[in-house]
Amino acid sequence: MREDLIQAVRSQGMEGDHALPNQPAPVVALELFFEENSDDASIACNLPDHPGVDVFYETLKAIRSRPDVQDVLVEIYDVSDDEWPFAERVYIFTRGSRSDVADWVRELQPDEIDDGWFFAKPAAAPDVKNGYNVISLWWD
């Protein structure tokens, strides 16, 4: 599965180890990032009391299954040869507000919750349905 993840990231134009500065980073589906991922340092590695990658996966899948959520995507920031790719941002397409999303992700402890894409819409991201917004979660 790691190889599929790296292939998906590379197919979106990520050539080196890191996303290009001032450019949208690659995004992938939850399953591609989390299935077979046991590396807690692959997301939110700054958390002193990390809830575990499985909690991230289960929480984000539950959010994606809500009727007011279109999708949830993981942004890949870094790829190395010997570790699981690293994500520091997740995008939630929702009709909910930022405060709604903050309630949904409280256990995941994001450092920031913002409206919209960090730089611009990634090429692999689907169009956002009418009435939905993109909410960005970021871990430093």
Protein backbone atom coordinates (compact mmCIF):
# COMPACT_ATOMS: atom_id res chain seq x y z
CA MET A 1 0.00 0.00 0.00
CA ARG A 2 2.90 2.40 0.72
CA GLU A 3 4.05 1.97 -2.88
CA ASP A 4 0.55 2.86 -4.14
CA LEU A 5 0.56 5.95 -1.95
CA ILE A 6 3.96 7.08 -3.20
CA GLN A 7 2.91 6.43 -6.81
CA ALA A 8 -0.23 8.56 -6.31
CA VAL A 9 1.87 11.37 -4.82
CA ARG A 10 4.45 11.21 -7.61
CA SER A 11 1.69 11.18 -10.27
CA GLN A 12 0.59 14.57 -8.91
CA GLY A 13 3.98 16.11 -9.66
CA MET A 14 5.85 15.69 -6.37
CA GLU A 15 9.35 14.88 -7.59
CA GLY A 16 11.59 15.39 -4.58
CA ASP A 17 11.20 14.64 -0.90
CA HIS A 18 9.02 17.68 -0.12
CA ALA A 19 6.04 19.43 -1.65
CA LEU A 20 7.09 22.41 -3.77
CA PRO A 21 7.05 25.78 -1.96
CA ASN A 22 4.01 27.97 -2.71
CA GLN A 23 2.35 25.18 -4.72
CA PRO A 24 -0.54 22.89 -3.81
CA ALA A 25 0.77 19.65 -2.34
CA PRO A 26 -0.59 16.26 -3.47
CA VAL A 27 -3.78 15.00 -1.85
CA VAL A 28 -4.94 11.42 -1.38
CA ALA A 29 -7.94 9.52 -0.07
CA LEU A 30 -8.06 8.45 3.56
CA GLU A 31 -7.69 4.77 2.67
CA LEU A 32 -4.55 5.37 0.66
CA PHE A 33 -2.87 7.25 3.50
CA PHE A 34 -4.09 5.25 6.50
CA GLU A 35 -4.46 1.61 5.39
CA GLU A 36 -1.40 -0.33 6.59
CA ASN A 37 -0.01 2.86 8.18
CA SER A 38 1.24 2.21 11.71
CA ASP A 39 3.56 5.24 11.88
CA ASP A 40 2.17 7.76 14.40
CA ALA A 41 4.82 10.22 13.20
CA SER A 42 3.20 10.29 9.74
CA ILE A 43 0.62 12.85 10.88
CA ALA A 44 0.53 15.38 13.74
CA CYS A 45 3.95 14.34 15.00
CA ASN A 46 4.09 17.52 17.10
CA LEU A 47 1.40 16.31 19.51
CA PRO A 48 2.82 15.48 22.95
CA ASP A 49 -0.10 13.11 23.60
CA HIS A 50 -0.66 11.67 20.10
CA PRO A 51 -3.92 9.70 19.97
CA GLY A 52 -2.49 7.27 17.41
CA VAL A 53 -2.81 6.94 13.66
CA ASP A 54 -5.76 4.55 14.07
CA VAL A 55 -7.72 7.21 15.98
CA PHE A 56 -7.01 9.71 13.19
CA TYR A 57 -8.25 7.23 10.60
CA GLU A 58 -11.42 6.25 12.46
CA THR A 59 -12.26 9.88 13.32
CA LEU A 60 -11.74 11.11 9.75
CA LYS A 61 -13.73 8.19 8.28
CA ALA A 62 -16.60 8.98 10.66
CA ILE A 63 -16.50 12.62 9.57
CA ARG A 64 -16.47 11.63 5.89
CA SER A 65 -19.58 9.47 6.45
CA ARG A 66 -21.61 12.42 7.74
CA PRO A 67 -24.43 13.58 5.42
CA ASP A 68 -23.04 17.15 5.47
CA VAL A 69 -19.56 16.08 4.31
CA GLN A 70 -18.60 15.51 0.67
CA ASP A 71 -15.08 14.18 1.21
CA VAL A 72 -11.96 14.21 3.39
CA LEU A 73 -8.50 14.28 1.81
CA VAL A 74 -5.00 14.04 3.26
CA GLU A 75 -2.31 16.38 1.94
CA ILE A 76 1.13 14.78 1.59
CA TYR A 77 4.00 17.07 2.49
CA ASP A 78 7.02 14.79 2.61
CA VAL A 79 8.10 11.43 1.16
CA SER A 80 11.22 9.60 2.30
CA ASP A 81 12.70 6.28 1.29
CA ASP A 82 12.38 4.54 4.64
CA GLU A 83 9.33 6.03 6.40
CA TRP A 84 5.62 6.38 5.73
CA PRO A 85 4.89 9.62 3.82
CA PHE A 86 4.22 12.59 6.09
CA ALA A 87 1.04 14.68 6.20
CA GLU A 88 0.58 17.91 8.07
CA ARG A 89 -2.79 18.96 6.62
CA VAL A 90 -6.24 17.42 6.06
CA TYR A 91 -9.05 18.96 4.00
CA ILE A 92 -12.72 18.44 4.85
CA PHE A 93 -15.35 19.33 2.23
CA THR A 94 -18.45 20.18 4.25
CA ARG A 95 -21.56 22.30 4.62
CA GLY A 96 -20.56 22.66 8.27
CA SER A 97 -18.78 25.65 9.75
CA ARG A 98 -15.28 25.88 11.13
CA SER A 99 -16.66 25.60 14.65
CA ASP A 100 -18.60 22.46 13.65
CA VAL A 101 -15.40 20.93 12.29
CA ALA A 102 -13.51 21.98 15.44
CA ASP A 103 -16.02 19.98 17.49
CA TRP A 104 -15.68 16.94 15.19
CA VAL A 105 -11.86 16.89 15.37
CA ARG A 106 -11.29 17.96 18.97
CA GLU A 107 -9.53 14.65 19.82
CA LEU A 108 -7.12 15.14 16.88
CA GLN A 109 -5.92 18.48 18.30
CA PRO A 110 -5.16 20.44 15.11
CA ASP A 111 -3.03 23.54 15.57
CA GLU A 112 -5.13 25.50 13.07
CA ILE A 113 -8.52 25.18 11.41
CA ASP A 114 -8.91 27.46 8.39
CA ASP A 115 -11.25 28.01 5.48
CA GLY A 116 -10.09 27.00 2.00
CA TRP A 117 -7.04 25.49 0.39
CA PHE A 118 -3.62 26.35 1.79
CA PHE A 119 -2.22 27.58 -1.57
CA ALA A 120 -4.68 26.55 -4.27
CA LYS A 121 -6.83 23.58 -5.17
CA PRO A 122 -4.62 20.53 -5.80
CA ALA A 123 -5.01 19.03 -9.28
CA ALA A 124 -6.22 15.68 -7.86
CA ALA A 125 -8.89 17.24 -5.65
CA PRO A 126 -12.49 16.93 -6.84
CA ASP A 127 -14.64 19.98 -7.39
CA VAL A 128 -16.44 21.14 -4.27
CA LYS A 129 -20.22 20.75 -4.52
CA ASN A 130 -22.44 23.82 -4.36
CA GLY A 131 -23.13 24.77 -0.76
CA TYR A 132 -19.98 23.06 0.54
CA ASN A 133 -16.70 24.64 1.69
CA VAL A 134 -13.21 23.35 2.18
CA ILE A 135 -11.99 23.41 5.77
CA SER A 136 -8.26 22.89 6.34
CA LEU A 137 -6.83 21.22 9.45
CA TRP A 138 -3.13 21.78 10.11
CA TRP A 139 -0.65 20.29 12.56
CA ASP A 140 2.65 22.15 13.02
